[in-house]
Amino acid sequence: MRWILAGGCAAITIPLACGADGQGRAAVEGPDTKALGVFRDSETPSAAFTVRNAGGGPLKITGVMKTCGCAGAAADRSALAPGDTATVRVTAEPYTLEGAFSKSVFVLTDTAGAQPLRLTVTGECVPLFSVKPSRTVDAGRLPNGASWEGAFELAASGPAALGAPAVTSGCPAAVSVEAASGATAERPRWRVPVKLSIPTNGSFRCQILIPVLVPANRPPLMLEVAGRAGSELFAVPSVLALAASEETVVRTLRLRLSGSRGRKLDPEELRIHPETEGLGVRAETEPGGGLAVRITVSPGLAKRIAGSGPFGVADGGAFD
């Protein structure tokens, strides 16, 4: 009798250990990282990965998630019975990569609680055009009334021709494209000088699109200069949490002025807009020129803020 019971238990438990939950499970057959080698930026090499349903039930591939626009990825089928396979192909997009890279995509399935399956391609993309110092330049923070001058240096690894630049800028900009000295027909080079008249107290951005005439059917080169001008007032913390209270609520924040060396904030210039009944401020100068601001909120205003959501205020002082 005991032997029969033991045998019955084994017959019940062994199938459970073999995946009787009926769930599919995605697994990669072979390496999960593949090399695309060295290729030009106009080429679109790809790598194929095999994904197998290694579980005991049906599996559905619900999507392939990319992490950037530089690679396309797709599965050739979505529904997999146990043991079935699907091919996931990852393809480099033209004109989106430069230099050595490693890019991953993630295979998503309908298995409850399963982590996405990660597939990676590596390689080195050789661009036709190289740009110095880089395609995007951060000019940093400049004083009011200043101008910014710089230049991009372009070099082609083969025969090429460029057209006149198209400039989109939030401030006056002078941009040109000049052939660099020592350039040859086989290895042309250019210099792109840029001069910007910086606005007062604000950010600026200049985008330059240079059409590629030769080779044909290439996207334009995009260059950009961005930065900030003047000083900027910021608060720490920028949000104060309030709860309904039967007593006056007191909070403290600190105001700082960035990008203005030696400039101090005057506590007498601090104003609150709009003026609000039940809201008071008192400011004191701190070492370094900032302000420590003590804010008092009446019980009635605290209840109104707690019940109606965020309440915005802005300084109206002459801190520019």
C-alpha atoms as a PDB file:
ATOM      1  CA  MET A   1       0.000   0.000   0.000  1.00  0.00           C
ATOM      2  CA  ARG A   2       2.786   2.394   0.816  1.00  0.00           C
ATOM      3  CA  TRP A   3       4.549   1.495  -2.439  1.00  0.00           C
ATOM      4  CA  ILE A   4       1.424   2.300  -4.449  1.00  0.00           C
ATOM      5  CA  LEU A   5       1.000   5.667  -2.699  1.00  0.00           C
ATOM      6  CA  ALA A   6       4.640   6.551  -3.296  1.00  0.00           C
ATOM      7  CA  GLY A   7       4.296   5.651  -6.941  1.00  0.00           C
ATOM      8  CA  GLY A   8       1.148   7.752  -7.218  1.00  0.00           C
ATOM      9  CA  CYS A   9       2.910  10.742  -5.713  1.00  0.00           C
ATOM     10  CA  ALA A  10       5.762  10.388  -8.168  1.00  0.00           C
ATOM     11  CA  ALA A  11       3.351  10.263 -11.061  1.00  0.00           C
ATOM     12  CA  ILE A  12       1.818  13.524  -9.916  1.00  0.00           C
ATOM     13  CA  THR A  13       4.939  15.478  -9.020  1.00  0.00           C
ATOM     14  CA  ILE A  14       7.314  14.571 -11.853  1.00  0.00           C
ATOM     15  CA  PRO A  15       5.243  16.231 -14.614  1.00  0.00           C
ATOM     16  CA  LEU A  16       4.985  19.384 -12.498  1.00  0.00           C
ATOM     17  CA  ALA A  17       8.764  19.588 -12.357  1.00  0.00           C
ATOM     18  CA  CYS A  18       8.892  19.364 -16.165  1.00  0.00           C
ATOM     19  CA  GLY A  19       7.014  22.630 -16.794  1.00  0.00           C
ATOM     20  CA  ALA A  20       3.381  21.747 -16.291  1.00  0.00           C
ATOM     21  CA  ASP A  21       2.657  25.455 -15.800  1.00  0.00           C
ATOM     22  CA  GLY A  22       2.154  25.596 -19.575  1.00  0.00           C
ATOM     23  CA  GLN A  23       4.150  28.802 -20.060  1.00  0.00           C
ATOM     24  CA  GLY A  24       6.453  29.484 -22.961  1.00  0.00           C
ATOM     25  CA  ARG A  25       9.989  30.728 -22.357  1.00  0.00           C
ATOM     26  CA  ALA A  26      12.180  32.628 -24.814  1.00  0.00           C
ATOM     27  CA  ALA A  27      15.822  31.617 -25.180  1.00  0.00           C
ATOM     28  CA  VAL A  28      18.558  32.545 -27.657  1.00  0.00           C
ATOM     29  CA  GLU A  29      20.093  29.786 -29.738  1.00  0.00           C
ATOM     30  CA  GLY A  30      23.740  30.688 -30.212  1.00  0.00           C
ATOM     31  CA  PRO A  31      25.438  33.942 -29.163  1.00  0.00           C
ATOM     32  CA  ASP A  32      23.345  36.884 -28.016  1.00  0.00           C
ATOM     33  CA  THR A  33      25.999  39.318 -29.327  1.00  0.00           C
ATOM     34  CA  LYS A  34      27.094  39.492 -32.974  1.00  0.00           C
ATOM     35  CA  ALA A  35      29.630  41.654 -34.809  1.00  0.00           C
ATOM     36  CA  LEU A  36      28.705  43.633 -37.921  1.00  0.00           C
ATOM     37  CA  GLY A  37      32.357  44.366 -38.692  1.00  0.00           C
ATOM     38  CA  VAL A  38      33.641  47.571 -40.278  1.00  0.00           C
ATOM     39  CA  PHE A  39      31.322  49.317 -42.752  1.00  0.00           C
ATOM     40  CA  ARG A  40      30.647  52.724 -44.335  1.00  0.00           C
ATOM     41  CA  ASP A  41      27.904  54.964 -42.998  1.00  0.00           C
ATOM     42  CA  SER A  42      25.855  54.508 -46.194  1.00  0.00           C
ATOM     43  CA  GLU A  43      25.715  50.726 -45.728  1.00  0.00           C
ATOM     44  CA  THR A  44      23.102  48.740 -43.781  1.00  0.00           C
ATOM     45  CA  PRO A  45      24.655  45.535 -42.414  1.00  0.00           C
ATOM     46  CA  SER A  46      22.494  43.241 -40.304  1.00  0.00           C
ATOM     47  CA  ALA A  47      22.722  40.260 -37.963  1.00  0.00           C
ATOM     48  CA  ALA A  48      20.166  37.474 -37.486  1.00  0.00           C
ATOM     49  CA  PHE A  49      19.458  35.943 -34.071  1.00  0.00           C
ATOM     50  CA  THR A  50      17.459  32.770 -33.437  1.00  0.00           C
ATOM     51  CA  VAL A  51      14.949  32.879 -30.590  1.00  0.00           C
ATOM     52  CA  ARG A  52      13.490  29.537 -29.477  1.00  0.00           C
ATOM     53  CA  ASN A  53      10.505  28.724 -27.297  1.00  0.00           C
ATOM     54  CA  ALA A  54      12.220  26.656 -24.615  1.00  0.00           C
ATOM     55  CA  GLY A  55       9.122  26.421 -22.409  1.00  0.00           C
ATOM     56  CA  GLY A  56       6.316  23.928 -22.080  1.00  0.00           C
ATOM     57  CA  GLY A  57       3.530  26.084 -23.512  1.00  0.00           C
ATOM     58  CA  PRO A  58       2.866  28.508 -26.369  1.00  0.00           C
ATOM     59  CA  LEU A  59       4.882  31.717 -26.587  1.00  0.00           C
ATOM     60  CA  LYS A  60       4.070  35.004 -28.284  1.00  0.00           C
ATOM     61  CA  ILE A  61       6.663  37.606 -29.222  1.00  0.00           C
ATOM     62  CA  THR A  62       4.814  40.837 -28.502  1.00  0.00           C
ATOM     63  CA  GLY A  63       7.459  43.208 -29.811  1.00  0.00           C
ATOM     64  CA  VAL A  64      11.111  44.061 -30.315  1.00  0.00           C
ATOM     65  CA  MET A  65      12.105  47.224 -28.453  1.00  0.00           C
ATOM     66  CA  LYS A  66      14.901  49.426 -29.811  1.00  0.00           C
ATOM     67  CA  THR A  67      17.011  51.749 -27.674  1.00  0.00           C
ATOM     68  CA  CYS A  68      17.785  54.297 -30.420  1.00  0.00           C
ATOM     69  CA  GLY A  69      16.945  55.235 -33.996  1.00  0.00           C
ATOM     70  CA  CYS A  70      20.240  53.898 -35.311  1.00  0.00           C
ATOM     71  CA  ALA A  71      19.070  50.289 -35.709  1.00  0.00           C
ATOM     72  CA  GLY A  72      15.962  48.550 -36.962  1.00  0.00           C
ATOM     73  CA  ALA A  73      14.786  45.238 -35.509  1.00  0.00           C
ATOM     74  CA  ALA A  74      11.954  42.824 -36.282  1.00  0.00           C
ATOM     75  CA  ALA A  75      10.959  39.189 -35.744  1.00  0.00           C
ATOM     76  CA  ASP A  76       9.806  37.087 -38.719  1.00  0.00           C
ATOM     77  CA  ARG A  77       7.039  35.466 -36.670  1.00  0.00           C
ATOM     78  CA  SER A  78       5.320  36.067 -33.350  1.00  0.00           C
ATOM     79  CA  ALA A  79       3.495  32.848 -32.314  1.00  0.00           C
ATOM     80  CA  LEU A  80       5.784  29.993 -31.252  1.00  0.00           C
ATOM     81  CA  ALA A  81       4.757  26.517 -30.120  1.00  0.00           C
ATOM     82  CA  PRO A  82       7.135  24.689 -27.746  1.00  0.00           C
ATOM     83  CA  GLY A  83      10.405  24.086 -29.613  1.00  0.00           C
ATOM     84  CA  ASP A  84       9.605  26.512 -32.463  1.00  0.00           C
ATOM     85  CA  THR A  85      12.045  29.269 -33.429  1.00  0.00           C
ATOM     86  CA  ALA A  86      11.827  32.802 -34.802  1.00  0.00           C
ATOM     87  CA  THR A  87      14.484  34.922 -36.483  1.00  0.00           C
ATOM     88  CA  VAL A  88      15.084  38.400 -35.102  1.00  0.00           C
ATOM     89  CA  ARG A  89      17.076  40.557 -37.507  1.00  0.00           C
ATOM     90  CA  VAL A  90      18.874  43.697 -36.308  1.00  0.00           C
ATOM     91  CA  THR A  91      19.875  46.137 -39.067  1.00  0.00           C
ATOM     92  CA  ALA A  92      22.046  49.255 -38.830  1.00  0.00           C
ATOM     93  CA  GLU A  93      20.309  52.351 -40.205  1.00  0.00           C
ATOM     94  CA  PRO A  94      22.345  54.408 -42.711  1.00  0.00           C
ATOM     95  CA  TYR A  95      23.964  57.708 -41.685  1.00  0.00           C
ATOM     96  CA  THR A  96      23.169  57.253 -37.990  1.00  0.00           C
ATOM     97  CA  LEU A  97      26.337  55.698 -36.548  1.00  0.00           C
ATOM     98  CA  GLU A  98      29.922  56.854 -36.281  1.00  0.00           C
ATOM     99  CA  GLY A  99      32.960  55.013 -34.961  1.00  0.00           C
ATOM    100  CA  ALA A 100      32.900  51.936 -32.730  1.00  0.00           C
ATOM    101  CA  PHE A 101      29.501  51.085 -31.264  1.00  0.00           C
ATOM    102  CA  SER A 102      27.496  48.519 -29.307  1.00  0.00           C
ATOM    103  CA  LYS A 103      23.707  48.623 -29.647  1.00  0.00           C
ATOM    104  CA  SER A 104      21.068  46.399 -28.037  1.00  0.00           C
ATOM    105  CA  VAL A 105      17.447  45.516 -28.750  1.00  0.00           C
ATOM    106  CA  PHE A 106      15.046  43.704 -26.419  1.00  0.00           C
ATOM    107  CA  VAL A 107      12.642  40.922 -27.375  1.00  0.00           C
ATOM    108  CA  LEU A 108       9.368  41.175 -25.434  1.00  0.00           C
ATOM    109  CA  THR A 109       7.097  38.156 -24.873  1.00  0.00           C
ATOM    110  CA  ASP A 110       3.777  37.370 -23.216  1.00  0.00           C
ATOM    111  CA  THR A 111       5.364  35.166 -20.519  1.00  0.00           C
ATOM    112  CA  ALA A 112       4.266  36.493 -17.132  1.00  0.00           C
ATOM    113  CA  GLY A 113       7.145  37.973 -15.141  1.00  0.00           C
ATOM    114  CA  ALA A 114       9.753  37.240 -17.825  1.00  0.00           C
ATOM    115  CA  GLN A 115      12.592  39.687 -18.409  1.00  0.00           C
ATOM    116  CA  PRO A 116      13.068  40.954 -21.987  1.00  0.00           C
ATOM    117  CA  LEU A 117      15.601  39.004 -24.037  1.00  0.00           C
ATOM    118  CA  ARG A 118      18.600  41.200 -24.875  1.00  0.00           C
ATOM    119  CA  LEU A 119      20.314  40.978 -28.275  1.00  0.00           C
ATOM    120  CA  THR A 120      23.399  43.079 -29.092  1.00  0.00           C
ATOM    121  CA  VAL A 121      25.245  44.064 -32.265  1.00  0.00           C
ATOM    122  CA  THR A 122      28.711  45.618 -32.324  1.00  0.00           C
ATOM    123  CA  GLY A 123      30.825  47.105 -35.079  1.00  0.00           C
ATOM    124  CA  GLU A 124      32.607  50.138 -36.427  1.00  0.00           C
ATOM    125  CA  CYS A 125      30.995  52.629 -38.790  1.00  0.00           C
ATOM    126  CA  VAL A 126      33.323  54.701 -40.983  1.00  0.00           C
ATOM    127  CA  PRO A 127      31.644  58.033 -41.856  1.00  0.00           C
ATOM    128  CA  LEU A 128      32.287  59.834 -45.129  1.00  0.00           C
ATOM    129  CA  PHE A 129      32.579  63.109 -43.206  1.00  0.00           C
ATOM    130  CA  SER A 130      34.465  63.679 -39.974  1.00  0.00           C
ATOM    131  CA  VAL A 131      33.778  66.823 -37.935  1.00  0.00           C
ATOM    132  CA  LYS A 132      36.006  68.606 -35.432  1.00  0.00           C
ATOM    133  CA  PRO A 133      35.580  69.432 -32.591  1.00  0.00           C
ATOM    134  CA  SER A 134      32.198  67.663 -32.846  1.00  0.00           C
ATOM    135  CA  ARG A 135      28.876  68.051 -34.658  1.00  0.00           C
ATOM    136  CA  THR A 136      27.381  69.728 -31.583  1.00  0.00           C
ATOM    137  CA  VAL A 137      29.225  72.412 -29.600  1.00  0.00           C
ATOM    138  CA  ASP A 138      28.206  73.638 -26.143  1.00  0.00           C
ATOM    139  CA  ALA A 139      29.293  77.261 -25.900  1.00  0.00           C
ATOM    140  CA  GLY A 140      28.651  77.276 -22.151  1.00  0.00           C
ATOM    141  CA  ARG A 141      27.442  80.387 -20.332  1.00  0.00           C
ATOM    142  CA  LEU A 142      28.578  83.735 -21.709  1.00  0.00           C
ATOM    143  CA  PRO A 143      28.240  87.258 -20.272  1.00  0.00           C
ATOM    144  CA  ASN A 144      25.539  89.544 -21.641  1.00  0.00           C
ATOM    145  CA  GLY A 145      26.668  91.526 -24.679  1.00  0.00           C
ATOM    146  CA  ALA A 146      29.296  88.981 -25.680  1.00  0.00           C
ATOM    147  CA  SER A 147      29.639  87.266 -29.035  1.00  0.00           C
ATOM    148  CA  TRP A 148      30.685  83.707 -29.777  1.00  0.00           C
ATOM    149  CA  GLU A 149      33.105  82.776 -32.542  1.00  0.00           C
ATOM    150  CA  GLY A 150      34.328  79.355 -33.549  1.00  0.00           C
ATOM    151  CA  ALA A 151      34.743  77.053 -36.507  1.00  0.00           C
ATOM    152  CA  PHE A 152      33.937  73.497 -37.507  1.00  0.00           C
ATOM    153  CA  GLU A 153      36.516  71.564 -39.514  1.00  0.00           C
ATOM    154  CA  LEU A 154      35.119  69.027 -41.977  1.00  0.00           C
ATOM    155  CA  ALA A 155      37.060  66.318 -43.787  1.00  0.00           C
ATOM    156  CA  ALA A 156      35.825  63.726 -46.296  1.00  0.00           C
ATOM    157  CA  SER A 157      37.356  60.285 -46.737  1.00  0.00           C
ATOM    158  CA  GLY A 158      36.530  60.350 -50.470  1.00  0.00           C
ATOM    159  CA  PRO A 159      35.373  62.657 -53.282  1.00  0.00           C
ATOM    160  CA  ALA A 160      32.601  64.975 -52.067  1.00  0.00           C
ATOM    161  CA  ALA A 161      31.048  68.386 -52.635  1.00  0.00           C
ATOM    162  CA  LEU A 162      29.011  70.585 -50.286  1.00  0.00           C
ATOM    163  CA  GLY A 163      26.442  73.309 -50.941  1.00  0.00           C
ATOM    164  CA  ALA A 164      25.628  76.581 -49.198  1.00  0.00           C
ATOM    165  CA  PRO A 165      24.570  76.270 -45.548  1.00  0.00           C
ATOM    166  CA  ALA A 166      21.002  76.796 -44.352  1.00  0.00           C
ATOM    167  CA  VAL A 167      20.997  78.429 -40.908  1.00  0.00           C
ATOM    168  CA  THR A 168      18.265  78.377 -38.278  1.00  0.00           C
ATOM    169  CA  SER A 169      19.219  80.519 -35.296  1.00  0.00           C
ATOM    170  CA  GLY A 170      17.553  82.261 -32.387  1.00  0.00           C
ATOM    171  CA  CYS A 171      20.151  85.029 -32.553  1.00  0.00           C
ATOM    172  CA  PRO A 172      22.008  86.856 -35.367  1.00  0.00           C
ATOM    173  CA  ALA A 173      24.430  84.407 -36.994  1.00  0.00           C
ATOM    174  CA  ALA A 174      27.103  84.615 -39.680  1.00  0.00           C
ATOM    175  CA  VAL A 175      27.989  81.212 -41.177  1.00  0.00           C
ATOM    176  CA  SER A 176      29.917  80.218 -44.301  1.00  0.00           C
ATOM    177  CA  VAL A 177      31.522  77.122 -45.822  1.00  0.00           C
ATOM    178  CA  GLU A 178      35.096  77.552 -47.069  1.00  0.00           C
ATOM    179  CA  ALA A 179      37.455  75.112 -48.751  1.00  0.00           C
ATOM    180  CA  ALA A 180      40.372  74.400 -46.425  1.00  0.00           C
ATOM    181  CA  SER A 181      43.929  74.932 -47.580  1.00  0.00           C
ATOM    182  CA  GLY A 182      45.695  71.785 -48.713  1.00  0.00           C
ATOM    183  CA  ALA A 183      42.459  70.005 -49.660  1.00  0.00           C
ATOM    184  CA  THR A 184      42.459  67.684 -52.681  1.00  0.00           C
ATOM    185  CA  ALA A 185      39.704  66.341 -54.925  1.00  0.00           C
ATOM    186  CA  GLU A 186      40.141  62.883 -53.411  1.00  0.00           C
ATOM    187  CA  ARG A 187      40.330  64.140 -49.826  1.00  0.00           C
ATOM    188  CA  PRO A 188      38.411  67.426 -49.649  1.00  0.00           C
ATOM    189  CA  ARG A 189      38.303  69.483 -46.473  1.00  0.00           C
ATOM    190  CA  TRP A 190      36.303  72.507 -45.407  1.00  0.00           C
ATOM    191  CA  ARG A 191      36.182  75.104 -42.680  1.00  0.00           C
ATOM    192  CA  VAL A 192      32.831  76.405 -41.365  1.00  0.00           C
ATOM    193  CA  PRO A 193      33.350  79.642 -39.389  1.00  0.00           C
ATOM    194  CA  VAL A 194      30.459  80.675 -37.132  1.00  0.00           C
ATOM    195  CA  LYS A 195      29.886  84.010 -35.394  1.00  0.00           C
ATOM    196  CA  LEU A 196      26.891  84.524 -33.102  1.00  0.00           C
ATOM    197  CA  SER A 197      25.596  87.729 -31.490  1.00  0.00           C
ATOM    198  CA  ILE A 198      24.424  86.435 -28.130  1.00  0.00           C
ATOM    199  CA  PRO A 199      21.044  87.513 -26.674  1.00  0.00           C
ATOM    200  CA  THR A 200      20.659  88.952 -23.184  1.00  0.00           C
ATOM    201  CA  ASN A 201      19.751  86.629 -20.310  1.00  0.00           C
ATOM    202  CA  GLY A 202      18.614  83.552 -22.162  1.00  0.00           C
ATOM    203  CA  SER A 203      19.557  80.459 -24.067  1.00  0.00           C
ATOM    204  CA  PHE A 204      20.622  80.426 -27.698  1.00  0.00           C
ATOM    205  CA  ARG A 205      20.848  77.762 -30.380  1.00  0.00           C
ATOM    206  CA  CYS A 206      22.156  77.886 -33.937  1.00  0.00           C
ATOM    207  CA  GLN A 207      21.508  74.929 -36.252  1.00  0.00           C
ATOM    208  CA  ILE A 208      23.418  74.638 -39.527  1.00  0.00           C
ATOM    209  CA  LEU A 209      22.374  72.289 -42.350  1.00  0.00           C
ATOM    210  CA  ILE A 210      24.931  71.809 -45.132  1.00  0.00           C
ATOM    211  CA  PRO A 211      23.613  69.971 -48.214  1.00  0.00           C
ATOM    212  CA  VAL A 212      25.778  67.189 -49.639  1.00  0.00           C
ATOM    213  CA  LEU A 213      25.899  67.599 -53.430  1.00  0.00           C
ATOM    214  CA  VAL A 214      28.313  64.706 -54.048  1.00  0.00           C
ATOM    215  CA  PRO A 215      27.749  61.802 -53.447  1.00  0.00           C
ATOM    216  CA  ALA A 216      24.071  62.065 -54.359  1.00  0.00           C
ATOM    217  CA  ASN A 217      21.157  61.088 -52.125  1.00  0.00           C
ATOM    218  CA  ARG A 218      22.910  61.730 -48.831  1.00  0.00           C
ATOM    219  CA  PRO A 219      21.251  63.635 -45.971  1.00  0.00           C
ATOM    220  CA  PRO A 220      22.658  67.080 -45.126  1.00  0.00           C
ATOM    221  CA  LEU A 221      25.330  67.527 -42.508  1.00  0.00           C
ATOM    222  CA  MET A 222      23.837  68.991 -39.338  1.00  0.00           C
ATOM    223  CA  LEU A 223      25.978  71.147 -37.039  1.00  0.00           C
ATOM    224  CA  GLU A 224      24.839  72.979 -33.927  1.00  0.00           C
ATOM    225  CA  VAL A 225      26.068  75.569 -31.438  1.00  0.00           C
ATOM    226  CA  ALA A 226      24.081  76.109 -28.231  1.00  0.00           C
ATOM    227  CA  GLY A 227      24.634  77.909 -24.960  1.00  0.00           C
ATOM    228  CA  ARG A 228      23.323  80.386 -22.423  1.00  0.00           C
ATOM    229  CA  ALA A 229      23.850  84.083 -21.797  1.00  0.00           C
ATOM    230  CA  GLY A 230      23.717  86.238 -18.702  1.00  0.00           C
ATOM    231  CA  SER A 231      22.611  85.191 -15.258  1.00  0.00           C
ATOM    232  CA  GLU A 232      19.945  82.760 -14.154  1.00  0.00           C
ATOM    233  CA  LEU A 233      18.027  82.748 -10.894  1.00  0.00           C
ATOM    234  CA  PHE A 234      17.215  79.364  -9.402  1.00  0.00           C
ATOM    235  CA  ALA A 235      15.705  78.156  -6.134  1.00  0.00           C
ATOM    236  CA  VAL A 236      16.640  75.210  -3.905  1.00  0.00           C
ATOM    237  CA  PRO A 237      14.297  73.484  -3.418  1.00  0.00           C
ATOM    238  CA  SER A 238      12.129  74.573  -6.356  1.00  0.00           C
ATOM    239  CA  VAL A 239       9.011  72.943  -4.847  1.00  0.00           C
ATOM    240  CA  LEU A 240       7.843  73.260  -1.242  1.00  0.00           C
ATOM    241  CA  ALA A 241       5.455  70.635   0.144  1.00  0.00           C
ATOM    242  CA  LEU A 242       2.578  71.899   2.289  1.00  0.00           C
ATOM    243  CA  ALA A 243      -0.116  70.084   4.221  1.00  0.00           C
ATOM    244  CA  ALA A 244      -3.349  71.487   5.645  1.00  0.00           C
ATOM    245  CA  SER A 245      -2.547  73.005   9.033  1.00  0.00           C
ATOM    246  CA  GLU A 246      -4.255  74.872  11.860  1.00  0.00           C
ATOM    247  CA  GLU A 247      -1.041  76.821  12.451  1.00  0.00           C
ATOM    248  CA  THR A 248       1.143  79.064  10.306  1.00  0.00           C
ATOM    249  CA  VAL A 249       3.457  76.992   8.092  1.00  0.00           C
ATOM    250  CA  VAL A 250       7.070  78.127   7.727  1.00  0.00           C
ATOM    251  CA  ARG A 251       9.394  76.945   4.953  1.00  0.00           C
ATOM    252  CA  THR A 252      12.857  78.077   3.857  1.00  0.00           C
ATOM    253  CA  LEU A 253      14.420  78.054   0.408  1.00  0.00           C
ATOM    254  CA  ARG A 254      17.613  79.491  -1.034  1.00  0.00           C
ATOM    255  CA  LEU A 255      17.969  81.626  -4.135  1.00  0.00           C
ATOM    256  CA  ARG A 256      21.141  81.551  -6.215  1.00  0.00           C
ATOM    257  CA  LEU A 257      22.275  83.536  -9.234  1.00  0.00           C
ATOM    258  CA  SER A 258      24.337  81.511 -11.681  1.00  0.00           C
ATOM    259  CA  GLY A 259      26.588  82.894 -14.383  1.00  0.00           C
ATOM    260  CA  SER A 260      27.207  86.237 -12.686  1.00  0.00           C
ATOM    261  CA  ARG A 261      30.467  86.385 -10.769  1.00  0.00           C
ATOM    262  CA  GLY A 262      30.543  88.847  -7.929  1.00  0.00           C
ATOM    263  CA  ARG A 263      26.871  89.765  -8.325  1.00  0.00           C
ATOM    264  CA  LYS A 264      24.816  89.738  -5.143  1.00  0.00           C
ATOM    265  CA  LEU A 265      21.073  89.488  -4.736  1.00  0.00           C
ATOM    266  CA  ASP A 266      19.437  92.358  -2.863  1.00  0.00           C
ATOM    267  CA  PRO A 267      16.806  91.098  -0.390  1.00  0.00           C
ATOM    268  CA  GLU A 268      14.925  94.399  -0.773  1.00  0.00           C
ATOM    269  CA  GLU A 269      14.274  93.591  -4.444  1.00  0.00           C
ATOM    270  CA  LEU A 270      12.468  90.342  -3.745  1.00  0.00           C
ATOM    271  CA  ARG A 271       8.769  90.388  -4.619  1.00  0.00           C
ATOM    272  CA  ILE A 272       6.120  87.704  -4.950  1.00  0.00           C
ATOM    273  CA  HIS A 273       3.753  87.737  -7.915  1.00  0.00           C
ATOM    274  CA  PRO A 274       0.862  87.545  -7.702  1.00  0.00           C
ATOM    275  CA  GLU A 275       0.545  89.119  -4.281  1.00  0.00           C
ATOM    276  CA  THR A 276      -1.414  86.609  -2.215  1.00  0.00           C
ATOM    277  CA  GLU A 277      -3.156  87.098   1.097  1.00  0.00           C
ATOM    278  CA  GLY A 278      -1.675  84.813   3.737  1.00  0.00           C
ATOM    279  CA  LEU A 279       1.699  84.445   1.983  1.00  0.00           C
ATOM    280  CA  GLY A 280       4.722  86.259   3.389  1.00  0.00           C
ATOM    281  CA  VAL A 281       8.446  86.290   2.586  1.00  0.00           C
ATOM    282  CA  ARG A 282      11.538  87.568   4.331  1.00  0.00           C
ATOM    283  CA  ALA A 283      14.991  87.294   2.787  1.00  0.00           C
ATOM    284  CA  GLU A 284      18.503  87.552   4.193  1.00  0.00           C
ATOM    285  CA  THR A 285      21.797  87.693   2.313  1.00  0.00           C
ATOM    286  CA  GLU A 286      24.007  84.613   2.538  1.00  0.00           C
ATOM    287  CA  PRO A 287      27.745  84.226   1.908  1.00  0.00           C
ATOM    288  CA  GLY A 288      28.344  84.082  -1.829  1.00  0.00           C
ATOM    289  CA  GLY A 289      25.625  86.581  -2.698  1.00  0.00           C
ATOM    290  CA  GLY A 290      22.572  84.333  -2.490  1.00  0.00           C
ATOM    291  CA  LEU A 291      19.463  84.731  -0.393  1.00  0.00           C
ATOM    292  CA  ALA A 292      17.908  82.622   2.344  1.00  0.00           C
ATOM    293  CA  VAL A 293      14.162  83.140   1.957  1.00  0.00           C
ATOM    294  CA  ARG A 294      11.788  82.409   4.840  1.00  0.00           C
ATOM    295  CA  ILE A 295       8.254  81.808   3.567  1.00  0.00           C
ATOM    296  CA  THR A 296       5.223  81.879   5.880  1.00  0.00           C
ATOM    297  CA  VAL A 297       1.846  80.475   4.848  1.00  0.00           C
ATOM    298  CA  SER A 298      -1.309  81.162   6.833  1.00  0.00           C
ATOM    299  CA  PRO A 299      -3.535  78.227   7.906  1.00  0.00           C
ATOM    300  CA  GLY A 300      -6.252  79.321   5.471  1.00  0.00           C
ATOM    301  CA  LEU A 301      -3.892  79.508   2.499  1.00  0.00           C
ATOM    302  CA  ALA A 302      -2.239  76.201   3.454  1.00  0.00           C
ATOM    303  CA  LYS A 303      -5.647  74.499   3.409  1.00  0.00           C
ATOM    304  CA  ARG A 304      -6.472  76.056   0.028  1.00  0.00           C
ATOM    305  CA  ILE A 305      -3.184  74.918  -1.492  1.00  0.00           C
ATOM    306  CA  ALA A 306      -3.533  71.418  -0.023  1.00  0.00           C
ATOM    307  CA  GLY A 307      -7.032  71.127  -1.459  1.00  0.00           C
ATOM    308  CA  SER A 308      -6.489  72.646  -4.908  1.00  0.00           C
ATOM    309  CA  GLY A 309      -3.013  71.467  -5.887  1.00  0.00           C
ATOM    310  CA  PRO A 310       0.229  73.290  -6.792  1.00  0.00           C
ATOM    311  CA  PHE A 311       0.384  77.043  -6.304  1.00  0.00           C
ATOM    312  CA  GLY A 312       2.935  78.896  -8.440  1.00  0.00           C
ATOM    313  CA  VAL A 313       4.716  82.091  -7.491  1.00  0.00           C
ATOM    314  CA  ALA A 314       7.476  83.996  -9.256  1.00  0.00           C
ATOM    315  CA  ASP A 315       9.973  86.590  -8.134  1.00  0.00           C
ATOM    316  CA  GLY A 316       9.531  90.053  -9.537  1.00  0.00           C
ATOM    317  CA  GLY A 317      12.799  91.505  -8.377  1.00  0.00           C
ATOM    318  CA  ALA A 318      15.321  93.249 -10.619  1.00  0.00           C
ATOM    319  CA  PHE A 319      17.859  90.451 -10.538  1.00  0.00           C
ATOM    320  CA  ASP A 320      18.716  90.492 -14.267  1.00  0.00           C
END
